[in-house]
Amino acid sequence: NFQEIIVNLSRSVATPHQIIFTTSMLNPELD
């Protein structure tokens, strides 16, 4: 759920930015 929150935040802004995160529990919808 938190991974989806990260992606939704990134999609909601038009300004160039970068978010890098690591995970051992990748959300299948984000693969």
All heavy atoms as atom14 arrays in JSON, in Angstrom:
{
  "sequence": "NFQEIIVNLSRSVATPHQIIFTTSMLNPELD",
  "atom14_mask": [
    [1, 1, 1, 1, 1, 1, 1, 1, 0, 0, 0, 0, 0, 0],
    [1, 1, 1, 1, 1, 1, 1, 1, 1, 1, 1, 0, 0, 0],
    [1, 1, 1, 1, 1, 1, 1, 1, 1, 0, 0, 0, 0, 0],
    [1, 1, 1, 1, 1, 1, 1, 1, 1, 0, 0, 0, 0, 0],
    [1, 1, 1, 1, 1, 1, 1, 1, 0, 0, 0, 0, 0, 0],
    [1, 1, 1, 1, 1, 1, 1, 1, 0, 0, 0, 0, 0, 0],
    [1, 1, 1, 1, 1, 1, 1, 0, 0, 0, 0, 0, 0, 0],
    [1, 1, 1, 1, 1, 1, 1, 1, 0, 0, 0, 0, 0, 0],
    [1, 1, 1, 1, 1, 1, 1, 1, 0, 0, 0, 0, 0, 0],
    [1, 1, 1, 1, 1, 1, 0, 0, 0, 0, 0, 0, 0, 0],
    [1, 1, 1, 1, 1, 1, 1, 1, 1, 1, 1, 0, 0, 0],
    [1, 1, 1, 1, 1, 1, 0, 0, 0, 0, 0, 0, 0, 0],
    [1, 1, 1, 1, 1, 1, 1, 0, 0, 0, 0, 0, 0, 0],
    [1, 1, 1, 1, 1, 0, 0, 0, 0, 0, 0, 0, 0, 0],
    [1, 1, 1, 1, 1, 1, 1, 0, 0, 0, 0, 0, 0, 0],
    [1, 1, 1, 1, 1, 1, 1, 0, 0, 0, 0, 0, 0, 0],
    [1, 1, 1, 1, 1, 1, 1, 1, 1, 1, 0, 0, 0, 0],
    [1, 1, 1, 1, 1, 1, 1, 1, 1, 0, 0, 0, 0, 0],
    [1, 1, 1, 1, 1, 1, 1, 1, 0, 0, 0, 0, 0, 0],
    [1, 1, 1, 1, 1, 1, 1, 1, 0, 0, 0, 0, 0, 0],
    [1, 1, 1, 1, 1, 1, 1, 1, 1, 1, 1, 0, 0, 0],
    [1, 1, 1, 1, 1, 1, 1, 0, 0, 0, 0, 0, 0, 0],
    [1, 1, 1, 1, 1, 1, 1, 0, 0, 0, 0, 0, 0, 0],
    [1, 1, 1, 1, 1, 1, 0, 0, 0, 0, 0, 0, 0, 0],
    [1, 1, 1, 1, 1, 1, 1, 1, 0, 0, 0, 0, 0, 0],
    [1, 1, 1, 1, 1, 1, 1, 1, 0, 0, 0, 0, 0, 0],
    [1, 1, 1, 1, 1, 1, 1, 1, 0, 0, 0, 0, 0, 0],
    [1, 1, 1, 1, 1, 1, 1, 0, 0, 0, 0, 0, 0, 0],
    [1, 1, 1, 1, 1, 1, 1, 1, 1, 0, 0, 0, 0, 0],
    [1, 1, 1, 1, 1, 1, 1, 1, 0, 0, 0, 0, 0, 0],
    [1, 1, 1, 1, 1, 1, 1, 1, 0, 0, 0, 0, 0, 0]
  ],
  "atom14_positions": [
    [[0.83, -1.2, 0.0], [0.0, 0.0, 0.0], [0.87, 1.26, 0.0], [0.59, 2.23, -0.72], [-0.92, -0.01, 1.22], [-1.81, 1.23, 1.27], [-2.73, 1.37, 0.47], [-1.53, 2.11, 2.21], [0.0, 0.0, 0.0], [0.0, 0.0, 0.0], [0.0, 0.0, 0.0], [0.0, 0.0, 0.0], [0.0, 0.0, 0.0], [0.0, 0.0, 0.0]],
    [[1.95, 1.24, 0.83], [2.79, 2.44, 0.89], [3.53, 2.65, -0.43], [3.76, 3.79, -0.84], [3.8, 2.32, 2.04], [4.44, 3.63, 2.39], [3.78, 4.58, 3.14], [5.71, 3.95, 1.92], [4.36, 5.8, 3.44], [6.3, 5.15, 2.21], [5.62, 6.09, 2.98], [0.0, 0.0, 0.0], [0.0, 0.0, 0.0], [0.0, 0.0, 0.0]],
    [[3.9, 1.57, -1.12], [4.53, 1.71, -2.43], [3.58, 2.39, -3.41], [3.98, 3.21, -4.24], [4.96, 0.34, -2.95], [6.09, -0.3, -2.16], [6.36, -1.73, -2.56], [6.3, -2.08, -3.72], [6.67, -2.58, -1.57], [0.0, 0.0, 0.0], [0.0, 0.0, 0.0], [0.0, 0.0, 0.0], [0.0, 0.0, 0.0], [0.0, 0.0, 0.0]],
    [[2.28, 2.06, -3.32], [1.3, 2.72, -4.17], [1.19, 4.21, -3.81], [1.01, 5.06, -4.69], [-0.06, 2.04, -4.03], [-0.12, 0.65, -4.64], [-1.51, 0.04, -4.53], [-2.42, 0.73, -4.02], [-1.69, -1.11, -4.93], [0.0, 0.0, 0.0], [0.0, 0.0, 0.0], [0.0, 0.0, 0.0], [0.0, 0.0, 0.0], [0.0, 0.0, 0.0]],
    [[1.29, 4.51, -2.51], [1.25, 5.92, -2.08], [2.41, 6.69, -2.71], [2.24, 7.82, -3.18], [1.32, 5.99, -0.54], [0.05, 5.4, 0.09], [1.51, 7.43, -0.07], [0.09, 5.31, 1.6], [0.0, 0.0, 0.0], [0.0, 0.0, 0.0], [0.0, 0.0, 0.0], [0.0, 0.0, 0.0], [0.0, 0.0, 0.0], [0.0, 0.0, 0.0]],
    [[3.59, 6.06, -2.73], [4.76, 6.72, -3.32], [4.53, 7.0, -4.8], [4.76, 8.12, -5.3], [6.02, 5.84, -3.14], [6.38, 5.71, -1.66], [7.2, 6.42, -3.92], [7.51, 4.74, -1.38], [0.0, 0.0, 0.0], [0.0, 0.0, 0.0], [0.0, 0.0, 0.0], [0.0, 0.0, 0.0], [0.0, 0.0, 0.0], [0.0, 0.0, 0.0]],
    [[4.04, 5.99, -5.53], [3.82, 6.16, -6.97], [2.74, 7.2, -7.24], [2.86, 8.03, -8.14], [3.45, 4.8, -7.6], [3.03, 4.98, -9.06], [4.64, 3.85, -7.51], [0.0, 0.0, 0.0], [0.0, 0.0, 0.0], [0.0, 0.0, 0.0], [0.0, 0.0, 0.0], [0.0, 0.0, 0.0], [0.0, 0.0, 0.0], [0.0, 0.0, 0.0]],
    [[1.67, 7.19, -6.45], [0.59, 8.17, -6.64], [1.08, 9.59, -6.38], [0.69, 10.52, -7.09], [-0.58, 7.84, -5.72], [-1.31, 6.56, -6.14], [-1.25, 6.16, -7.31], [-1.98, 5.93, -5.2], [0.0, 0.0, 0.0], [0.0, 0.0, 0.0], [0.0, 0.0, 0.0], [0.0, 0.0, 0.0], [0.0, 0.0, 0.0], [0.0, 0.0, 0.0]],
    [[1.93, 9.75, -5.36], [2.49, 11.08, -5.11], [3.32, 11.53, -6.31], [3.22, 12.68, -6.74], [3.35, 11.05, -3.85], [4.15, 12.34, -3.57], [3.22, 13.49, -3.21], [5.17, 12.14, -2.45], [0.0, 0.0, 0.0], [0.0, 0.0, 0.0], [0.0, 0.0, 0.0], [0.0, 0.0, 0.0], [0.0, 0.0, 0.0], [0.0, 0.0, 0.0]],
    [[4.16, 10.63, -6.82], [5.01, 10.99, -7.96], [4.16, 11.37, -9.18], [4.48, 12.33, -9.9], [5.92, 9.81, -8.31], [6.71, 10.09, -9.43], [0.0, 0.0, 0.0], [0.0, 0.0, 0.0], [0.0, 0.0, 0.0], [0.0, 0.0, 0.0], [0.0, 0.0, 0.0], [0.0, 0.0, 0.0], [0.0, 0.0, 0.0], [0.0, 0.0, 0.0]],
    [[3.09, 10.65, -9.4], [2.23, 10.94, -10.55], [1.47, 12.25, -10.4], [1.07, 12.86, -11.39], [1.24, 9.79, -10.75], [1.87, 8.51, -11.32], [0.88, 7.37, -11.29], [1.4, 6.18, -11.99], [0.86, 4.97, -11.91], [-0.23, 4.79, -11.13], [1.38, 3.96, -12.56], [0.0, 0.0, 0.0], [0.0, 0.0, 0.0], [0.0, 0.0, 0.0]],
    [[1.27, 12.68, -9.15], [0.44, 13.86, -8.91], [1.17, 15.17, -9.13], [0.54, 16.23, -9.14], [-0.1, 13.83, -7.48], [0.95, 14.01, -6.54], [0.0, 0.0, 0.0], [0.0, 0.0, 0.0], [0.0, 0.0, 0.0], [0.0, 0.0, 0.0], [0.0, 0.0, 0.0], [0.0, 0.0, 0.0], [0.0, 0.0, 0.0], [0.0, 0.0, 0.0]],
    [[2.5, 15.13, -9.27], [3.27, 16.37, -9.45], [3.91, 16.37, -10.83], [4.35, 15.34, -11.34], [4.35, 16.52, -8.36], [3.7, 16.65, -6.99], [5.32, 15.36, -8.36], [0.0, 0.0, 0.0], [0.0, 0.0, 0.0], [0.0, 0.0, 0.0], [0.0, 0.0, 0.0], [0.0, 0.0, 0.0], [0.0, 0.0, 0.0], [0.0, 0.0, 0.0]],
    [[3.93, 17.56, -11.43], [4.51, 17.69, -12.77], [5.97, 18.13, -12.73], [6.66, 18.08, -13.74], [3.69, 18.7, -13.58], [0.0, 0.0, 0.0], [0.0, 0.0, 0.0], [0.0, 0.0, 0.0], [0.0, 0.0, 0.0], [0.0, 0.0, 0.0], [0.0, 0.0, 0.0], [0.0, 0.0, 0.0], [0.0, 0.0, 0.0], [0.0, 0.0, 0.0]],
    [[6.44, 18.58, -11.57], [7.81, 19.07, -11.44], [8.8, 17.9, -11.51], [8.55, 16.85, -10.92], [7.98, 19.78, -10.1], [7.0, 20.82, -10.01], [9.36, 20.39, -9.97], [0.0, 0.0, 0.0], [0.0, 0.0, 0.0], [0.0, 0.0, 0.0], [0.0, 0.0, 0.0], [0.0, 0.0, 0.0], [0.0, 0.0, 0.0], [0.0, 0.0, 0.0]],
    [[9.93, 18.05, -12.2], [10.94, 16.98, -12.22], [11.39, 16.63, -10.81], [11.67, 17.5, -9.98], [12.09, 17.59, -13.05], [11.43, 18.62, -13.89], [10.32, 19.18, -13.08], [0.0, 0.0, 0.0], [0.0, 0.0, 0.0], [0.0, 0.0, 0.0], [0.0, 0.0, 0.0], [0.0, 0.0, 0.0], [0.0, 0.0, 0.0], [0.0, 0.0, 0.0]],
    [[11.46, 15.34, -10.53], [11.87, 14.86, -9.22], [12.35, 13.42, -9.36], [12.21, 12.81, -10.42], [10.7, 14.92, -8.22], [9.57, 14.01, -8.61], [8.62, 14.37, -9.55], [9.23, 12.75, -8.21], [7.76, 13.37, -9.71], [8.11, 12.38, -8.9], [0.0, 0.0, 0.0], [0.0, 0.0, 0.0], [0.0, 0.0, 0.0], [0.0, 0.0, 0.0]],
    [[12.89, 12.87, -8.26], [13.32, 11.48, -8.29], [13.16, 10.86, -6.91], [13.56, 11.43, -5.91], [14.79, 11.36, -8.73], [15.24, 9.91, -8.94], [16.65, 9.82, -9.5], [17.59, 10.32, -8.91], [16.78, 9.2, -10.67], [0.0, 0.0, 0.0], [0.0, 0.0, 0.0], [0.0, 0.0, 0.0], [0.0, 0.0, 0.0], [0.0, 0.0, 0.0]],
    [[12.52, 9.68, -6.89], [12.35, 8.89, -5.68], [12.96, 7.51, -5.94], [12.56, 6.83, -6.88], [10.87, 8.73, -5.3], [10.2, 10.1, -5.12], [10.72, 7.9, -4.03], [8.69, 10.03, -4.95], [0.0, 0.0, 0.0], [0.0, 0.0, 0.0], [0.0, 0.0, 0.0], [0.0, 0.0, 0.0], [0.0, 0.0, 0.0], [0.0, 0.0, 0.0]],
    [[13.93, 7.12, -5.12], [14.55, 5.8, -5.23], [14.28, 5.06, -3.93], [14.55, 5.6, -2.85], [16.07, 5.92, -5.46], [16.38, 6.75, -6.72], [16.7, 4.53, -5.59], [17.87, 7.03, -6.92], [0.0, 0.0, 0.0], [0.0, 0.0, 0.0], [0.0, 0.0, 0.0], [0.0, 0.0, 0.0], [0.0, 0.0, 0.0], [0.0, 0.0, 0.0]],
    [[13.72, 3.86, -4.02], [13.55, 3.08, -2.8], [13.82, 1.61, -3.08], [13.71, 1.14, -4.22], [12.16, 3.29, -2.18], [11.0, 2.7, -2.92], [10.6, 1.37, -2.71], [10.28, 3.46, -3.82], [9.51, 0.83, -3.37], [9.18, 2.93, -4.49], [8.81, 1.61, -4.28], [0.0, 0.0, 0.0], [0.0, 0.0, 0.0], [0.0, 0.0, 0.0]],
    [[14.19, 0.9, -2.01], [14.47, -0.53, -2.1], [13.33, -1.29, -1.42], [12.68, -0.77, -0.51], [15.8, -0.88, -1.41], [15.67, -0.63, 0.0], [16.94, -0.05, -1.98], [0.0, 0.0, 0.0], [0.0, 0.0, 0.0], [0.0, 0.0, 0.0], [0.0, 0.0, 0.0], [0.0, 0.0, 0.0], [0.0, 0.0, 0.0], [0.0, 0.0, 0.0]],
    [[13.11, -2.52, -1.86], [12.07, -3.33, -1.25], [12.34, -4.81, -1.47], [12.88, -5.2, -2.51], [10.67, -2.98, -1.81], [9.7, -3.84, -1.21], [10.62, -3.16, -3.32], [0.0, 0.0, 0.0], [0.0, 0.0, 0.0], [0.0, 0.0, 0.0], [0.0, 0.0, 0.0], [0.0, 0.0, 0.0], [0.0, 0.0, 0.0], [0.0, 0.0, 0.0]],
    [[11.98, -5.61, -0.49], [12.0, -7.07, -0.66], [10.59, -7.6, -0.86], [10.39, -8.8, -1.0], [12.64, -7.73, 0.58], [11.91, -7.41, 1.74], [0.0, 0.0, 0.0], [0.0, 0.0, 0.0], [0.0, 0.0, 0.0], [0.0, 0.0, 0.0], [0.0, 0.0, 0.0], [0.0, 0.0, 0.0], [0.0, 0.0, 0.0], [0.0, 0.0, 0.0]],
    [[9.59, -6.67, -0.8], [8.19, -7.04, -0.98], [7.58, -6.21, -2.1], [6.68, -5.4, -1.87], [7.4, -6.81, 0.32], [7.98, -7.44, 1.56], [6.99, -6.97, 3.02], [7.98, -7.68, 4.34], [0.0, 0.0, 0.0], [0.0, 0.0, 0.0], [0.0, 0.0, 0.0], [0.0, 0.0, 0.0], [0.0, 0.0, 0.0], [0.0, 0.0, 0.0]],
    [[8.08, -6.34, -3.3], [7.63, -5.51, -4.4], [6.14, -5.75, -4.67], [5.69, -6.89, -4.83], [8.45, -5.81, -5.66], [8.04, -5.05, -6.92], [8.19, -3.54, -6.71], [8.89, -5.5, -8.11], [0.0, 0.0, 0.0], [0.0, 0.0, 0.0], [0.0, 0.0, 0.0], [0.0, 0.0, 0.0], [0.0, 0.0, 0.0], [0.0, 0.0, 0.0]],
    [[5.41, -4.65, -4.75], [3.99, -4.73, -5.14], [3.91, -5.25, -6.57], [4.5, -4.65, -7.48], [3.37, -3.34, -5.03], [1.87, -3.35, -5.25], [1.34, -4.15, -6.03], [1.18, -2.43, -4.58], [0.0, 0.0, 0.0], [0.0, 0.0, 0.0], [0.0, 0.0, 0.0], [0.0, 0.0, 0.0], [0.0, 0.0, 0.0], [0.0, 0.0, 0.0]],
    [[3.22, -6.37, -6.8], [3.18, -6.94, -8.16], [2.69, -5.96, -9.21], [3.12, -6.02, -10.37], [2.21, -8.13, -8.0], [2.26, -8.48, -6.56], [2.47, -7.19, -5.84], [0.0, 0.0, 0.0], [0.0, 0.0, 0.0], [0.0, 0.0, 0.0], [0.0, 0.0, 0.0], [0.0, 0.0, 0.0], [0.0, 0.0, 0.0], [0.0, 0.0, 0.0]],
    [[1.81, -5.05, -8.83], [1.3, -4.09, -9.8], [2.36, -3.07, -10.21], [2.18, -2.37, -11.21], [0.09, -3.37, -9.21], [-1.1, -4.29, -8.95], [-2.29, -3.52, -8.41], [-2.19, -2.28, -8.31], [-3.32, -4.16, -8.09], [0.0, 0.0, 0.0], [0.0, 0.0, 0.0], [0.0, 0.0, 0.0], [0.0, 0.0, 0.0], [0.0, 0.0, 0.0]],
    [[3.45, -2.99, -9.47], [4.51, -2.04, -9.79], [5.72, -2.72, -10.42], [6.74, -2.08, -10.65], [4.95, -1.29, -8.53], [3.85, -0.54, -7.77], [4.44, 0.18, -6.57], [3.14, 0.45, -8.69], [0.0, 0.0, 0.0], [0.0, 0.0, 0.0], [0.0, 0.0, 0.0], [0.0, 0.0, 0.0], [0.0, 0.0, 0.0], [0.0, 0.0, 0.0]],
    [[5.6, -4.02, -10.68], [6.71, -4.77, -11.3], [6.73, -4.48, -12.8], [6.46, -5.33, -13.64], [6.55, -6.27, -11.04], [7.81, -7.05, -11.41], [8.81, -6.4, -11.8], [7.78, -8.28, -11.32], [0.0, 0.0, 0.0], [0.0, 0.0, 0.0], [0.0, 0.0, 0.0], [0.0, 0.0, 0.0], [0.0, 0.0, 0.0], [0.0, 0.0, 0.0]]
  ]
}
